[in-house]
Amino acid sequence: MGITQTFGCRAQWDEHGFVSVPGLVDSDQVSALRQVCDAILRKHLANNPETNEPGDPDGRAMRHLNHPAYHEGDPDGLRLLLDTIADERILDLVNVILGERALFRCTTYWYNPVSAGKDGHWHRDIQFVYPDEADQRRIISEATPQESVQIMLALIETEDNEFVPGTHLRWDSEEEYRIRLGDDQANNRSDRMPGAVRFHQEPGDVIAFHPYGLHRGRYHVDKARRTLMLSYSTESAATEDYFTDQPWFLMPGYLNALEPDKQAFYRRFVDRYSSFWRR
């Protein structure tokens, strides 16, 4: 990523809270990823290894695509997935946004439901960590350094990610609040969010967005959705929770198929969380 492009991405991020990069991942890699991720999804729906129960066909999202149970008999699939998470093209973008070396957090696969399609609800991720509105207001107003970023990599054409630019820097307007939280969240699937941007993505296009900004996804029964979300954080913001609880990284040989630089990327993740996993 050149100096001009780097500056442009950071300036765009600081002002609007998102960056769009068309064609960041090449078509051959996207096609292979689609096959791998869809195979993982089929296994998940048959049996989620984290619960030993079938996954929900209307669940819209599954986590931890790098769980080893999804890759039994397909080590190349695991290698491709891990290679993509640590792809220098993606990490260059994430590092610019975070202002330091990114630390891996987790993977998510967004898919369309089979019987219960609906538009997603407008939210800020901060509301799930800090349900008290006073805490949300305080954190938004403090304008703390960037701590995390979510990368939405389209594996098929989609227009199902929406974001309200600039809302990572400020509290909700009256109308935004009415939609997101008003009337006990009765309006939070509204299509009338002021200023919302709906992204059109072709396969290989990437959207990076600030998880504290107002955003949502859309999920249709009659329209396929296949979006791979890669989440990263700074080391200082590393959080011990469900998303980072991935003890399979301690399995002998789990990283052996990767190039040394990518092994080093994951070693930082292991070093940060291994004591958490052992507890």
Protein backbone atom coordinates (compact mmCIF):
# COMPACT_ATOMS: atom_id res chain seq x y z
CA MET A 1 0.00 0.00 0.00
CA GLY A 2 1.62 3.26 -1.16
CA ILE A 3 1.96 6.47 0.85
CA THR A 4 -0.92 8.23 -0.95
CA GLN A 5 -3.22 5.23 -0.64
CA THR A 6 -2.28 4.77 3.01
CA PHE A 7 -3.03 8.39 3.83
CA GLY A 8 -6.31 8.23 1.92
CA CYS A 9 -7.48 5.12 3.76
CA ARG A 10 -6.65 6.56 7.16
CA ALA A 11 -8.25 9.93 6.39
CA GLN A 12 -11.38 8.19 5.10
CA TRP A 13 -11.51 6.01 8.19
CA ASP A 14 -11.01 8.85 10.66
CA GLU A 15 -13.79 10.95 9.14
CA HIS A 16 -16.35 8.37 8.05
CA GLY A 17 -15.56 5.19 10.03
CA PHE A 18 -15.32 2.91 7.01
CA VAL A 19 -13.05 2.16 4.06
CA SER A 20 -14.07 0.46 0.81
CA VAL A 21 -11.41 -1.36 -1.22
CA PRO A 22 -12.67 -2.93 -4.47
CA GLY A 23 -10.96 -6.08 -5.71
CA LEU A 24 -8.56 -6.42 -2.78
CA VAL A 25 -8.65 -10.23 -3.01
CA ASP A 26 -8.21 -11.81 -6.44
CA SER A 27 -10.91 -13.88 -8.10
CA ASP A 28 -9.12 -17.25 -7.90
CA GLN A 29 -8.62 -16.91 -4.16
CA VAL A 30 -12.23 -15.78 -3.67
CA SER A 31 -13.55 -18.74 -5.65
CA ALA A 32 -11.48 -21.19 -3.60
CA LEU A 33 -12.52 -19.49 -0.35
CA ARG A 34 -16.18 -19.75 -1.31
CA GLN A 35 -15.83 -23.51 -1.78
CA VAL A 36 -13.99 -23.92 1.53
CA CYS A 37 -16.38 -21.72 3.51
CA ASP A 38 -19.48 -23.35 2.05
CA ALA A 39 -18.10 -26.79 2.94
CA ILE A 40 -17.53 -25.51 6.49
CA LEU A 41 -21.07 -24.16 6.62
CA ARG A 42 -22.50 -27.53 5.56
CA LYS A 43 -20.55 -29.25 8.34
CA HIS A 44 -21.66 -26.61 10.82
CA LEU A 45 -25.33 -27.11 9.95
CA ALA A 46 -24.90 -30.86 10.34
CA ASN A 47 -23.02 -30.56 13.64
CA ASN A 48 -21.46 -27.55 15.33
CA PRO A 49 -18.34 -28.95 17.07
CA GLU A 50 -18.57 -26.27 19.75
CA THR A 51 -22.00 -27.50 20.90
CA ASN A 52 -22.23 -31.00 19.36
CA GLU A 53 -25.62 -29.97 17.97
CA PRO A 54 -26.74 -29.02 14.46
CA GLY A 55 -26.20 -25.37 13.52
CA ASP A 56 -29.20 -23.13 12.86
CA PRO A 57 -30.10 -22.83 9.15
CA ASP A 58 -31.80 -19.53 10.01
CA GLY A 59 -28.96 -18.39 12.25
CA ARG A 60 -27.44 -16.04 9.63
CA ALA A 61 -23.89 -16.33 11.05
CA MET A 62 -21.42 -18.94 12.24
CA ARG A 63 -18.13 -18.32 14.06
CA HIS A 64 -14.71 -19.93 14.23
CA LEU A 65 -14.38 -21.27 10.71
CA ASN A 66 -10.82 -22.25 11.63
CA HIS A 67 -11.98 -24.87 14.16
CA PRO A 68 -10.03 -28.05 13.25
CA ALA A 69 -13.18 -30.22 13.20
CA TYR A 70 -14.32 -28.35 10.09
CA HIS A 71 -11.12 -29.29 8.25
CA GLU A 72 -10.75 -32.99 8.95
CA GLY A 73 -9.60 -34.49 5.67
CA ASP A 74 -9.07 -31.04 4.11
CA PRO A 75 -5.84 -29.50 5.40
CA ASP A 76 -5.61 -27.35 2.28
CA GLY A 77 -8.88 -25.67 3.20
CA LEU A 78 -7.54 -24.74 6.63
CA ARG A 79 -4.32 -23.46 5.11
CA LEU A 80 -6.22 -21.26 2.64
CA LEU A 81 -8.39 -19.82 5.40
CA LEU A 82 -5.45 -19.08 7.69
CA ASP A 83 -3.49 -17.64 4.77
CA THR A 84 -6.36 -15.26 4.01
CA ILE A 85 -6.68 -14.04 7.59
CA ALA A 86 -2.96 -13.24 7.58
CA ASP A 87 -2.89 -11.98 3.96
CA GLU A 88 -0.56 -8.98 3.75
CA ARG A 89 -3.04 -7.08 1.56
CA ILE A 90 -5.66 -7.28 4.30
CA LEU A 91 -3.22 -6.73 7.15
CA ASP A 92 -1.73 -3.67 5.45
CA LEU A 93 -5.18 -2.09 5.46
CA VAL A 94 -5.95 -3.14 9.03
CA ASN A 95 -2.58 -1.96 10.34
CA VAL A 96 -3.11 1.47 8.78
CA ILE A 97 -6.53 1.74 10.42
CA LEU A 98 -5.35 0.57 13.84
CA GLY A 99 -2.10 2.50 13.72
CA GLU A 100 -0.15 -0.55 14.90
CA ARG A 101 0.27 -4.26 14.21
CA ALA A 102 -3.07 -6.02 14.18
CA LEU A 103 -3.85 -8.94 16.46
CA PHE A 104 -6.21 -11.64 15.16
CA ARG A 105 -9.56 -11.91 16.91
CA CYS A 106 -11.99 -14.25 15.10
CA THR A 107 -13.79 -15.29 11.91
CA THR A 108 -17.49 -15.12 11.05
CA TYR A 109 -19.40 -16.38 8.02
CA TRP A 110 -22.62 -14.53 7.17
CA TYR A 111 -25.13 -16.60 5.19
CA ASN A 112 -28.73 -16.25 4.10
CA PRO A 113 -31.47 -18.02 6.11
CA VAL A 114 -33.65 -20.71 4.57
CA SER A 115 -37.04 -19.72 6.00
CA ALA A 116 -36.87 -16.57 8.16
CA GLY A 117 -35.42 -13.75 6.12
CA LYS A 118 -35.44 -10.20 7.45
CA ASP A 119 -33.44 -7.01 7.53
CA GLY A 120 -31.00 -6.93 10.43
CA HIS A 121 -31.34 -4.55 13.36
CA TRP A 122 -29.47 -1.27 13.56
CA HIS A 123 -26.89 -1.34 16.31
CA ARG A 124 -23.50 -0.31 17.60
CA ASP A 125 -21.42 -3.26 18.81
CA ILE A 126 -20.65 -1.28 21.94
CA GLN A 127 -24.23 -1.77 23.15
CA PHE A 128 -23.63 -5.50 23.61
CA VAL A 129 -20.59 -4.89 25.82
CA TYR A 130 -21.98 -1.84 27.64
CA PRO A 131 -25.80 -2.06 27.76
CA ASP A 132 -26.03 1.05 29.94
CA GLU A 133 -26.56 4.07 27.67
CA ALA A 134 -24.48 6.33 29.89
CA ASP A 135 -21.48 4.06 29.34
CA GLN A 136 -22.08 4.04 25.59
CA ARG A 137 -22.25 7.85 25.51
CA ARG A 138 -19.10 8.18 27.56
CA ILE A 139 -17.05 5.83 25.41
CA ILE A 140 -18.22 7.41 22.15
CA SER A 141 -17.50 10.93 23.46
CA GLU A 142 -14.02 10.03 24.73
CA ALA A 143 -12.83 9.36 21.18
CA THR A 144 -10.42 6.69 22.39
CA PRO A 145 -7.75 5.36 20.00
CA GLN A 146 -8.96 2.87 17.43
CA GLU A 147 -9.02 -0.59 19.04
CA SER A 148 -10.73 -2.94 16.59
CA VAL A 149 -11.85 -3.31 13.00
CA GLN A 150 -14.12 -5.66 11.11
CA ILE A 151 -13.34 -6.68 7.53
CA MET A 152 -16.25 -7.77 5.34
CA LEU A 153 -14.92 -9.78 2.38
CA ALA A 154 -17.61 -10.51 -0.20
CA LEU A 155 -17.43 -14.01 -1.68
CA ILE A 156 -20.44 -13.32 -3.92
CA GLU A 157 -22.07 -10.10 -5.10
CA THR A 158 -23.99 -8.44 -2.28
CA GLU A 159 -25.70 -5.23 -1.17
CA ASP A 160 -26.45 -6.40 2.34
CA ASN A 161 -24.06 -4.32 4.49
CA GLU A 162 -25.18 -0.87 5.65
CA PHE A 163 -23.37 1.80 7.69
CA VAL A 164 -24.04 5.39 8.77
CA PRO A 165 -20.84 7.38 8.11
CA GLY A 166 -19.45 9.46 10.96
CA THR A 167 -21.49 7.83 13.71
CA HIS A 168 -18.34 6.28 15.21
CA LEU A 169 -17.50 9.82 16.41
CA ARG A 170 -20.78 10.91 17.98
CA TRP A 171 -23.90 9.87 19.83
CA ASP A 172 -27.18 9.13 18.02
CA SER A 173 -29.29 11.91 16.62
CA GLU A 174 -32.90 11.99 17.80
CA GLU A 175 -34.08 9.96 14.81
CA GLU A 176 -31.15 7.54 14.97
CA TYR A 177 -31.91 6.90 18.63
CA ARG A 178 -35.61 6.36 17.90
CA ILE A 179 -34.70 3.69 15.36
CA ARG A 180 -31.88 1.97 17.26
CA LEU A 181 -33.22 1.99 20.82
CA GLY A 182 -36.58 3.77 20.99
CA ASP A 183 -39.79 2.05 22.07
CA ASP A 184 -37.83 -0.88 23.50
CA GLN A 185 -36.06 -1.35 20.15
CA ALA A 186 -39.35 -1.83 18.28
CA ASN A 187 -38.07 0.22 15.31
CA ASN A 188 -34.55 -1.12 14.93
CA ARG A 189 -35.16 -2.88 11.59
CA SER A 190 -36.38 0.30 9.93
CA ASP A 191 -35.34 1.09 6.35
CA ARG A 192 -35.47 4.82 7.13
CA MET A 193 -32.18 5.29 8.98
CA PRO A 194 -30.96 8.81 8.02
CA GLY A 195 -27.71 8.94 6.07
CA ALA A 196 -27.30 5.18 5.78
CA VAL A 197 -24.97 3.91 3.04
CA ARG A 198 -25.70 0.54 1.47
CA PHE A 199 -22.53 -0.96 0.01
CA HIS A 200 -22.49 -2.78 -3.30
CA GLN A 201 -19.74 -5.41 -3.23
CA GLU A 202 -18.48 -7.66 -5.99
CA PRO A 203 -16.58 -10.86 -5.08
CA GLY A 204 -13.19 -9.87 -3.66
CA ASP A 205 -14.30 -6.40 -2.56
CA VAL A 206 -13.58 -5.47 1.06
CA ILE A 207 -15.41 -3.12 3.41
CA ALA A 208 -13.67 -2.23 6.67
CA PHE A 209 -15.90 -0.56 9.24
CA HIS A 210 -15.78 0.72 12.79
CA PRO A 211 -17.87 -1.58 15.00
CA TYR A 212 -19.01 1.35 17.19
CA GLY A 213 -20.66 3.11 14.23
CA LEU A 214 -24.32 2.49 13.40
CA HIS A 215 -24.58 -0.50 11.08
CA ARG A 216 -26.58 -3.58 10.15
CA GLY A 217 -26.76 -6.51 7.72
CA ARG A 218 -29.65 -7.80 5.63
CA TYR A 219 -30.66 -11.45 5.26
CA HIS A 220 -33.00 -12.77 2.55
CA VAL A 221 -34.44 -16.22 1.94
CA ASP A 222 -34.48 -15.69 -1.83
CA LYS A 223 -31.07 -14.00 -2.16
CA ALA A 224 -27.81 -15.78 -1.35
CA ARG A 225 -25.39 -14.13 1.06
CA ARG A 226 -21.82 -15.32 1.55
CA THR A 227 -19.64 -12.81 3.38
CA LEU A 228 -16.49 -13.71 5.30
CA MET A 229 -15.91 -11.34 8.22
CA LEU A 230 -12.42 -11.13 9.71
CA SER A 231 -12.07 -9.35 13.05
CA TYR A 232 -8.85 -7.83 14.41
CA SER A 233 -7.88 -5.72 17.42
CA THR A 234 -4.88 -3.95 18.86
CA GLU A 235 -2.82 -5.84 21.41
CA SER A 236 -3.79 -3.33 24.10
CA ALA A 237 -7.48 -4.03 23.44
CA ALA A 238 -7.14 -7.82 23.41
CA THR A 239 -10.18 -9.30 25.15
CA GLU A 240 -10.58 -12.76 26.66
CA ASP A 241 -14.04 -13.83 25.56
CA TYR A 242 -15.90 -16.32 23.37
CA PHE A 243 -14.51 -14.82 20.19
CA THR A 244 -10.86 -15.26 21.17
CA ASP A 245 -11.39 -18.60 22.93
CA GLN A 246 -9.64 -20.76 20.31
CA PRO A 247 -7.50 -23.32 22.18
CA TRP A 248 -7.03 -25.44 19.06
CA PHE A 249 -4.14 -23.11 18.17
CA LEU A 250 -2.20 -25.10 20.79
CA MET A 251 -2.61 -28.36 18.85
CA PRO A 252 0.74 -29.69 17.61
CA GLY A 253 1.26 -28.86 13.94
CA TYR A 254 -1.78 -26.57 13.62
CA LEU A 255 0.29 -23.83 11.94
CA ASN A 256 2.91 -25.99 10.24
CA ALA A 257 1.60 -25.57 6.68
CA LEU A 258 1.95 -21.78 6.78
CA GLU A 259 4.84 -19.61 5.68
CA PRO A 260 7.09 -18.33 8.52
CA ASP A 261 5.74 -14.75 8.42
CA LYS A 262 2.18 -15.98 8.79
CA GLN A 263 3.14 -18.37 11.57
CA ALA A 264 4.69 -15.39 13.34
CA PHE A 265 1.41 -13.45 12.98
CA TYR A 266 -0.51 -16.23 14.73
CA ARG A 267 2.22 -16.78 17.34
CA ARG A 268 1.40 -13.32 18.68
CA PHE A 269 -2.24 -14.42 19.03
CA VAL A 270 -1.15 -17.62 20.81
CA ASP A 271 1.24 -15.75 23.11
CA ARG A 272 -1.50 -13.32 24.13
CA TYR A 273 -4.27 -15.86 24.79
CA SER A 274 -2.63 -19.22 25.62
CA SER A 275 -2.83 -18.67 29.38
CA PHE A 276 -6.55 -17.81 28.97
CA TRP A 277 -7.15 -21.04 27.05
CA ARG A 278 -5.28 -23.13 29.63
CA ARG A 279 -7.38 -21.65 32.44
